[in-house]
Amino acid sequence: MTDKKLIFILKICITIGICLILLGIYLHNYSETIDAMGVKGIMISAACVALGMVLSLPTKMYLTYLLVIRETEHHD
């Protein structure tokens, strides 16, 4: 797998993660259906936020690491 392909996949993961975080926030704050579900609704919105964090944060760190490595190799 080339670096460009890997970076593209990581960017997709970050985008999906941020979308899931925003979905979880929307569900928690504005969705009447989730509010009516009680604890199960809170668990659903929290799961969206948690999965979004899992997808976005480590991926962002790895992507930054790859870009720093590429920049270092480019200057040498």
N, C-alpha and C. Protein backbone atom coordinates (compact mmCIF):
# COMPACT_ATOMS: atom_id res chain seq x y z
N MET A 1 0.85 -1.17 0.00
CA MET A 1 0.00 0.00 0.00
C MET A 1 0.90 1.24 0.00
N THR A 2 0.62 2.15 -0.88
CA THR A 2 1.43 3.35 -0.97
C THR A 2 1.03 4.36 0.11
N ASP A 3 1.90 5.32 0.34
CA ASP A 3 1.62 6.35 1.35
C ASP A 3 0.40 7.18 0.97
N LYS A 4 0.23 7.47 -0.30
CA LYS A 4 -0.92 8.28 -0.72
C LYS A 4 -2.23 7.55 -0.44
N LYS A 5 -2.25 6.25 -0.69
CA LYS A 5 -3.45 5.47 -0.42
C LYS A 5 -3.74 5.41 1.08
N LEU A 6 -2.69 5.20 1.86
CA LEU A 6 -2.84 5.13 3.31
C LEU A 6 -3.32 6.46 3.87
N ILE A 7 -2.76 7.55 3.39
CA ILE A 7 -3.19 8.87 3.85
C ILE A 7 -4.63 9.13 3.46
N PHE A 8 -5.03 8.71 2.28
CA PHE A 8 -6.43 8.88 1.85
C PHE A 8 -7.37 8.09 2.76
N ILE A 9 -7.01 6.86 3.09
CA ILE A 9 -7.84 6.04 3.98
C ILE A 9 -7.91 6.66 5.37
N LEU A 10 -6.80 7.19 5.86
CA LEU A 10 -6.79 7.83 7.17
C LEU A 10 -7.65 9.09 7.18
N LYS A 11 -7.62 9.84 6.10
CA LYS A 11 -8.47 11.03 6.02
C LYS A 11 -9.95 10.65 6.01
N ILE A 12 -10.27 9.56 5.36
CA ILE A 12 -11.66 9.07 5.37
C ILE A 12 -12.06 8.68 6.79
N CYS A 13 -11.17 8.01 7.51
CA CYS A 13 -11.46 7.62 8.90
C CYS A 13 -11.67 8.85 9.78
N ILE A 14 -10.87 9.87 9.60
CA ILE A 14 -11.04 11.10 10.38
C ILE A 14 -12.40 11.73 10.07
N THR A 15 -12.76 11.79 8.80
CA THR A 15 -14.03 12.38 8.40
C THR A 15 -15.21 11.61 8.98
N ILE A 16 -15.15 10.29 8.90
CA ILE A 16 -16.23 9.47 9.46
C ILE A 16 -16.29 9.65 10.97
N GLY A 17 -15.14 9.72 11.62
CA GLY A 17 -15.10 9.91 13.06
C GLY A 17 -15.72 11.24 13.48
N ILE A 18 -15.39 12.30 12.78
CA ILE A 18 -15.96 13.61 13.11
C ILE A 18 -17.47 13.62 12.86
N CYS A 19 -17.90 12.97 11.79
CA CYS A 19 -19.34 12.88 11.51
C CYS A 19 -20.07 12.11 12.61
N LEU A 20 -19.46 11.03 13.10
CA LEU A 20 -20.08 10.28 14.19
C LEU A 20 -20.14 11.09 15.48
N ILE A 21 -19.11 11.86 15.75
CA ILE A 21 -19.13 12.72 16.94
C ILE A 21 -20.26 13.73 16.82
N LEU A 22 -20.37 14.37 15.66
CA LEU A 22 -21.44 15.35 15.46
C LEU A 22 -22.82 14.70 15.52
N LEU A 23 -22.94 13.49 14.99
CA LEU A 23 -24.21 12.76 15.07
C LEU A 23 -24.58 12.48 16.52
N GLY A 24 -23.60 12.04 17.31
CA GLY A 24 -23.86 11.77 18.72
C GLY A 24 -24.29 13.01 19.48
N ILE A 25 -23.64 14.14 19.18
CA ILE A 25 -24.02 15.40 19.83
C ILE A 25 -25.43 15.81 19.42
N TYR A 26 -25.72 15.67 18.13
CA TYR A 26 -27.07 15.99 17.66
C TYR A 26 -28.11 15.11 18.33
N LEU A 27 -27.86 13.82 18.36
CA LEU A 27 -28.81 12.90 18.97
C LEU A 27 -29.03 13.23 20.44
N HIS A 28 -27.96 13.55 21.14
CA HIS A 28 -28.06 13.82 22.57
C HIS A 28 -28.80 15.13 22.85
N ASN A 29 -28.57 16.15 22.04
CA ASN A 29 -29.13 17.46 22.34
C ASN A 29 -30.48 17.75 21.69
N TYR A 30 -30.72 17.22 20.49
CA TYR A 30 -31.88 17.67 19.73
C TYR A 30 -32.89 16.59 19.35
N SER A 31 -32.56 15.34 19.47
CA SER A 31 -33.45 14.28 19.01
C SER A 31 -34.45 13.91 20.10
N GLU A 32 -35.72 14.06 19.77
CA GLU A 32 -36.76 13.70 20.74
C GLU A 32 -36.90 12.19 20.88
N THR A 33 -36.60 11.46 19.83
CA THR A 33 -36.69 10.00 19.88
C THR A 33 -35.68 9.44 20.87
N ILE A 34 -34.45 9.93 20.81
CA ILE A 34 -33.41 9.48 21.74
C ILE A 34 -33.78 9.88 23.16
N ASP A 35 -34.37 11.07 23.31
CA ASP A 35 -34.79 11.54 24.63
C ASP A 35 -35.89 10.64 25.20
N ALA A 36 -36.80 10.20 24.33
CA ALA A 36 -37.89 9.34 24.78
C ALA A 36 -37.41 7.93 25.14
N MET A 37 -36.28 7.52 24.60
CA MET A 37 -35.75 6.18 24.87
C MET A 37 -35.11 6.08 26.25
N GLY A 38 -34.80 7.20 26.86
CA GLY A 38 -34.21 7.19 28.19
C GLY A 38 -32.75 6.79 28.17
N VAL A 39 -32.41 5.83 29.03
CA VAL A 39 -31.01 5.41 29.17
C VAL A 39 -30.49 4.77 27.89
N LYS A 40 -31.31 4.01 27.20
CA LYS A 40 -30.87 3.40 25.94
C LYS A 40 -30.53 4.47 24.90
N GLY A 41 -31.29 5.54 24.89
CA GLY A 41 -31.00 6.64 23.97
C GLY A 41 -29.68 7.32 24.30
N ILE A 42 -29.43 7.50 25.58
CA ILE A 42 -28.16 8.10 26.00
C ILE A 42 -27.01 7.18 25.61
N MET A 43 -27.19 5.88 25.76
CA MET A 43 -26.15 4.93 25.39
C MET A 43 -25.89 4.98 23.88
N ILE A 44 -26.93 5.14 23.08
CA ILE A 44 -26.76 5.21 21.63
C ILE A 44 -25.98 6.46 21.24
N SER A 45 -26.36 7.60 21.80
CA SER A 45 -25.64 8.83 21.46
C SER A 45 -24.21 8.80 21.98
N ALA A 46 -23.99 8.23 23.17
CA ALA A 46 -22.63 8.12 23.70
C ALA A 46 -21.80 7.15 22.87
N ALA A 47 -22.41 6.10 22.36
CA ALA A 47 -21.68 5.15 21.51
C ALA A 47 -21.23 5.82 20.20
N CYS A 48 -22.08 6.68 19.65
CA CYS A 48 -21.69 7.42 18.43
C CYS A 48 -20.49 8.31 18.70
N VAL A 49 -20.52 9.02 19.82
CA VAL A 49 -19.40 9.90 20.16
C VAL A 49 -18.14 9.08 20.42
N ALA A 50 -18.27 7.97 21.16
CA ALA A 50 -17.11 7.15 21.49
C ALA A 50 -16.49 6.54 20.23
N LEU A 51 -17.31 6.02 19.35
CA LEU A 51 -16.79 5.44 18.11
C LEU A 51 -16.14 6.51 17.23
N GLY A 52 -16.74 7.69 17.23
CA GLY A 52 -16.14 8.80 16.49
C GLY A 52 -14.78 9.18 17.03
N MET A 53 -14.64 9.17 18.37
CA MET A 53 -13.34 9.47 18.99
C MET A 53 -12.32 8.40 18.64
N VAL A 54 -12.75 7.15 18.67
CA VAL A 54 -11.84 6.05 18.35
C VAL A 54 -11.34 6.17 16.91
N LEU A 55 -12.20 6.59 16.01
CA LEU A 55 -11.80 6.72 14.61
C LEU A 55 -10.98 7.97 14.34
N SER A 56 -11.28 9.05 15.02
CA SER A 56 -10.64 10.31 14.63
C SER A 56 -9.33 10.62 15.35
N LEU A 57 -9.24 10.42 16.63
CA LEU A 57 -8.05 10.87 17.35
C LEU A 57 -6.79 10.07 17.05
N PRO A 58 -6.77 8.76 17.19
CA PRO A 58 -5.52 8.03 16.87
C PRO A 58 -5.15 8.16 15.39
N THR A 59 -6.13 8.22 14.54
CA THR A 59 -5.88 8.36 13.12
C THR A 59 -5.20 9.69 12.84
N LYS A 60 -5.66 10.75 13.50
CA LYS A 60 -5.05 12.07 13.31
C LYS A 60 -3.60 12.07 13.78
N MET A 61 -3.32 11.41 14.88
CA MET A 61 -1.95 11.33 15.38
C MET A 61 -1.05 10.58 14.40
N TYR A 62 -1.52 9.47 13.87
CA TYR A 62 -0.74 8.68 12.92
C TYR A 62 -0.53 9.44 11.62
N LEU A 63 -1.57 10.13 11.18
CA LEU A 63 -1.46 10.92 9.95
C LEU A 63 -0.44 12.04 10.13
N THR A 64 -0.43 12.69 11.28
CA THR A 64 0.56 13.73 11.56
C THR A 64 1.96 13.13 11.57
N TYR A 65 2.11 11.96 12.15
CA TYR A 65 3.41 11.27 12.18
C TYR A 65 3.90 10.99 10.76
N LEU A 66 3.01 10.49 9.90
CA LEU A 66 3.40 10.21 8.52
C LEU A 66 3.80 11.49 7.78
N LEU A 67 3.08 12.56 8.00
CA LEU A 67 3.40 13.80 7.31
C LEU A 67 4.72 14.38 7.81
N VAL A 68 5.04 14.24 9.08
CA VAL A 68 6.33 14.70 9.60
C VAL A 68 7.47 13.88 9.00
N ILE A 69 7.28 12.57 8.93
CA ILE A 69 8.30 11.70 8.32
C ILE A 69 8.52 12.09 6.86
N ARG A 70 7.45 12.31 6.15
CA ARG A 70 7.56 12.68 4.73
C ARG A 70 8.28 14.02 4.59
N GLU A 71 7.96 14.98 5.44
CA GLU A 71 8.61 16.29 5.37
C GLU A 71 10.10 16.18 5.70
N THR A 72 10.44 15.34 6.67
CA THR A 72 11.85 15.14 7.04
C THR A 72 12.61 14.50 5.88
N GLU A 73 12.02 13.51 5.23
CA GLU A 73 12.68 12.87 4.10
C GLU A 73 12.80 13.83 2.91
N HIS A 74 11.84 14.71 2.77
CA HIS A 74 11.86 15.67 1.67
C HIS A 74 12.99 16.68 1.83
N HIS A 75 13.28 17.08 3.07
CA HIS A 75 14.35 18.06 3.32
C HIS A 75 15.74 17.42 3.22
N ASP A 76 15.83 16.12 3.43
CA ASP A 76 17.13 15.45 3.34
C ASP A 76 17.47 15.11 1.94
